[in-house]
């Protein structure tokens, strides 16, 4: 099976967010197996880690919330 190696699409991110609501934090395996089937478990885990960093960044400075998106955070070499 071929997996797209590019960054998460908006649709995949939306489904990922639904997975967080349904399964909760830390249930990445269930999200990858049942919802975001276009990504591997490792890719889901990486996206979750970057998404959590993004959440922490906007929590520190709410004014920056509108200055960047999760897709920009993914492009940083963290």
N, C-alpha and C. Protein backbone atom coordinates (compact mmCIF):
# COMPACT_ATOMS: atom_id res chain seq x y z
N UNK A 1 0.84 -1.19 0.00
CA UNK A 1 0.00 0.00 0.00
C UNK A 1 0.88 1.24 0.00
N UNK A 2 0.57 2.21 -0.81
CA UNK A 2 1.34 3.44 -0.94
C UNK A 2 0.80 4.50 0.01
N UNK A 3 1.69 5.12 0.76
CA UNK A 3 1.31 6.20 1.66
C UNK A 3 1.91 7.49 1.15
N UNK A 4 1.09 8.52 1.07
CA UNK A 4 1.54 9.83 0.65
C UNK A 4 2.53 10.37 1.67
N UNK A 5 3.71 10.76 1.24
CA UNK A 5 4.76 11.22 2.15
C UNK A 5 4.69 12.73 2.41
N UNK A 6 3.77 13.42 1.78
CA UNK A 6 3.65 14.86 1.98
C UNK A 6 2.98 15.17 3.31
N UNK A 7 2.96 16.44 3.64
CA UNK A 7 2.35 16.87 4.88
C UNK A 7 0.85 16.56 4.89
N UNK A 8 0.32 16.53 6.05
CA UNK A 8 -1.10 16.24 6.26
C UNK A 8 -1.98 17.24 5.50
N UNK A 9 -2.98 16.73 4.81
CA UNK A 9 -3.90 17.61 4.10
C UNK A 9 -4.92 18.16 5.10
N UNK A 10 -5.64 19.17 4.68
CA UNK A 10 -6.67 19.74 5.56
C UNK A 10 -7.73 18.70 5.91
N UNK A 11 -8.12 17.88 4.93
CA UNK A 11 -9.13 16.84 5.18
C UNK A 11 -8.61 15.82 6.19
N UNK A 12 -7.36 15.40 6.02
CA UNK A 12 -6.78 14.44 6.97
C UNK A 12 -6.71 15.05 8.37
N UNK A 13 -6.38 16.34 8.43
CA UNK A 13 -6.29 17.01 9.73
C UNK A 13 -7.67 17.08 10.39
N UNK A 14 -8.70 17.37 9.61
CA UNK A 14 -10.06 17.41 10.17
C UNK A 14 -10.46 16.05 10.72
N UNK A 15 -10.15 14.99 9.98
CA UNK A 15 -10.48 13.64 10.45
C UNK A 15 -9.64 13.31 11.69
N UNK A 16 -8.40 13.76 11.71
CA UNK A 16 -7.54 13.58 12.88
C UNK A 16 -8.17 14.23 14.11
N UNK A 17 -8.69 15.45 13.95
CA UNK A 17 -9.33 16.15 15.07
C UNK A 17 -10.57 15.40 15.56
N UNK A 18 -11.33 14.85 14.62
CA UNK A 18 -12.49 14.03 15.00
C UNK A 18 -12.01 12.83 15.81
N UNK A 19 -10.90 12.23 15.38
CA UNK A 19 -10.33 11.10 16.10
C UNK A 19 -9.93 11.46 17.52
N UNK A 20 -9.38 12.66 17.70
CA UNK A 20 -9.03 13.11 19.05
C UNK A 20 -10.28 13.23 19.92
N UNK A 21 -11.36 13.72 19.33
CA UNK A 21 -12.61 13.84 20.10
C UNK A 21 -13.20 12.47 20.43
N UNK A 22 -13.17 11.56 19.47
CA UNK A 22 -13.78 10.25 19.65
C UNK A 22 -12.93 9.37 20.58
N UNK A 23 -11.63 9.30 20.32
CA UNK A 23 -10.77 8.38 21.05
C UNK A 23 -9.95 9.03 22.16
N UNK A 24 -9.72 10.34 22.06
CA UNK A 24 -8.92 11.03 23.06
C UNK A 24 -7.44 11.05 22.73
N UNK A 25 -6.70 11.85 23.50
CA UNK A 25 -5.25 11.96 23.33
C UNK A 25 -4.60 10.61 23.62
N UNK A 26 -3.56 10.30 22.90
CA UNK A 26 -2.81 9.08 23.16
C UNK A 26 -3.36 7.85 22.47
N UNK A 27 -4.45 7.97 21.76
CA UNK A 27 -5.06 6.82 21.06
C UNK A 27 -4.75 6.90 19.57
N UNK A 28 -3.50 7.15 19.25
CA UNK A 28 -3.09 7.37 17.86
C UNK A 28 -3.28 6.12 17.01
N UNK A 29 -3.08 4.96 17.60
CA UNK A 29 -3.23 3.72 16.84
C UNK A 29 -4.67 3.56 16.36
N UNK A 30 -5.63 3.84 17.23
CA UNK A 30 -7.03 3.74 16.84
C UNK A 30 -7.37 4.77 15.76
N UNK A 31 -6.80 5.97 15.89
CA UNK A 31 -7.05 7.02 14.89
C UNK A 31 -6.51 6.57 13.53
N UNK A 32 -5.30 6.02 13.51
CA UNK A 32 -4.70 5.61 12.23
C UNK A 32 -5.40 4.38 11.65
N UNK A 33 -5.84 3.48 12.48
CA UNK A 33 -6.50 2.26 11.98
C UNK A 33 -7.93 2.50 11.52
N UNK A 34 -8.64 3.39 12.22
CA UNK A 34 -10.07 3.54 11.97
C UNK A 34 -10.47 4.81 11.22
N UNK A 35 -9.66 5.85 11.28
CA UNK A 35 -10.10 7.11 10.69
C UNK A 35 -9.17 7.63 9.59
N UNK A 36 -7.91 7.84 9.90
CA UNK A 36 -6.96 8.39 8.92
C UNK A 36 -6.17 7.22 8.34
N UNK A 37 -6.79 6.53 7.42
CA UNK A 37 -6.19 5.32 6.87
C UNK A 37 -5.15 5.61 5.79
N UNK A 38 -5.00 6.87 5.42
CA UNK A 38 -4.02 7.26 4.41
C UNK A 38 -2.66 7.52 5.02
N UNK A 39 -2.53 7.42 6.34
CA UNK A 39 -1.27 7.68 7.05
C UNK A 39 -0.90 6.51 7.93
N UNK A 40 0.39 6.34 8.14
CA UNK A 40 0.87 5.30 9.03
C UNK A 40 0.73 5.76 10.48
N UNK A 41 0.87 4.82 11.39
CA UNK A 41 0.82 5.16 12.80
C UNK A 41 1.91 6.16 13.15
N UNK A 42 3.08 5.97 12.59
CA UNK A 42 4.20 6.89 12.84
C UNK A 42 3.87 8.31 12.36
N UNK A 43 3.25 8.42 11.20
CA UNK A 43 2.88 9.73 10.67
C UNK A 43 1.80 10.38 11.54
N UNK A 44 0.86 9.61 12.03
CA UNK A 44 -0.18 10.14 12.91
C UNK A 44 0.45 10.62 14.21
N UNK A 45 1.38 9.84 14.75
CA UNK A 45 2.05 10.22 16.00
C UNK A 45 2.84 11.51 15.81
N UNK A 46 3.51 11.64 14.69
CA UNK A 46 4.27 12.86 14.41
C UNK A 46 3.34 14.06 14.28
N UNK A 47 2.24 13.87 13.59
CA UNK A 47 1.28 14.97 13.43
C UNK A 47 0.69 15.36 14.78
N UNK A 48 0.38 14.38 15.61
CA UNK A 48 -0.17 14.67 16.94
C UNK A 48 0.82 15.46 17.78
N UNK A 49 2.09 15.08 17.71
CA UNK A 49 3.13 15.79 18.47
C UNK A 49 3.23 17.24 18.01
N UNK A 50 3.23 17.46 16.72
CA UNK A 50 3.33 18.82 16.18
C UNK A 50 2.07 19.63 16.48
N UNK A 51 0.92 18.97 16.44
CA UNK A 51 -0.33 19.65 16.76
C UNK A 51 -0.34 20.09 18.22
N UNK A 52 0.16 19.24 19.12
CA UNK A 52 0.24 19.61 20.53
C UNK A 52 1.21 20.77 20.76
N UNK A 53 2.31 20.80 20.03
CA UNK A 53 3.24 21.94 20.12
C UNK A 53 2.55 23.22 19.66
N UNK A 54 1.75 23.11 18.60
CA UNK A 54 1.02 24.26 18.08
C UNK A 54 0.02 24.77 19.12
N UNK A 55 -0.68 23.84 19.77
CA UNK A 55 -1.64 24.23 20.81
C UNK A 55 -0.95 24.96 21.96
N UNK A 56 0.21 24.46 22.36
CA UNK A 56 0.96 25.12 23.43
C UNK A 56 1.42 26.50 23.01
N UNK A 57 1.82 26.65 21.76
CA UNK A 57 2.30 27.94 21.27
C UNK A 57 1.18 28.98 21.27
N UNK A 58 -0.01 28.60 20.84
CA UNK A 58 -1.09 29.59 20.82
C UNK A 58 -1.61 29.87 22.22
N UNK A 59 -1.48 28.91 23.12
CA UNK A 59 -1.90 29.14 24.50
C UNK A 59 -1.00 30.17 25.17
N UNK A 60 0.28 30.20 24.80
CA UNK A 60 1.22 31.16 25.38
C UNK A 60 0.94 32.57 24.89
N UNK A 61 0.57 32.69 23.66
CA UNK A 61 0.34 34.01 23.09
C UNK A 61 -0.86 33.96 22.15
N UNK A 62 -2.03 34.25 22.68
CA UNK A 62 -3.26 34.12 21.90
C UNK A 62 -3.30 35.04 20.69
N UNK A 63 -2.54 36.12 20.71
CA UNK A 63 -2.52 37.01 19.54
C UNK A 63 -1.89 36.32 18.33
N UNK A 64 -0.97 35.39 18.56
CA UNK A 64 -0.32 34.70 17.46
C UNK A 64 -1.20 33.60 16.88
N UNK A 65 -2.31 33.33 17.52
CA UNK A 65 -3.21 32.27 17.04
C UNK A 65 -3.59 32.48 15.58
N UNK A 66 -3.75 33.71 15.17
CA UNK A 66 -4.18 34.01 13.80
C UNK A 66 -3.00 34.20 12.85
N UNK A 67 -1.78 34.10 13.35
CA UNK A 67 -0.62 34.35 12.51
C UNK A 67 -0.02 33.09 11.90
N UNK A 68 -0.37 31.92 12.40
CA UNK A 68 0.14 30.70 11.81
C UNK A 68 -0.84 29.56 12.01
N UNK A 69 -0.66 28.53 11.21
CA UNK A 69 -1.56 27.38 11.28
C UNK A 69 -0.77 26.13 11.60
N UNK A 70 -1.45 25.06 11.83
CA UNK A 70 -0.80 23.77 12.10
C UNK A 70 0.06 23.37 10.92
N UNK A 71 -0.30 23.76 9.72
CA UNK A 71 0.47 23.38 8.54
C UNK A 71 1.82 24.08 8.53
N UNK A 72 1.90 25.32 9.05
CA UNK A 72 3.18 26.01 9.17
C UNK A 72 4.04 25.37 10.25
N UNK A 73 3.43 24.95 11.33
CA UNK A 73 4.18 24.30 12.41
C UNK A 73 4.81 23.01 11.88
N UNK A 74 4.13 22.30 11.02
CA UNK A 74 4.68 21.05 10.49
C UNK A 74 5.95 21.28 9.69
N UNK A 75 6.12 22.44 9.11
CA UNK A 75 7.28 22.71 8.28
C UNK A 75 8.51 23.12 9.09
N UNK A 76 8.35 23.35 10.38
CA UNK A 76 9.49 23.70 11.21
C UNK A 76 10.32 22.45 11.49
N UNK A 77 11.60 22.63 11.57
CA UNK A 77 12.48 21.51 11.93
C UNK A 77 12.64 21.50 13.43
N UNK A 78 11.75 20.81 14.11
CA UNK A 78 11.78 20.77 15.58
C UNK A 78 12.51 19.55 16.06
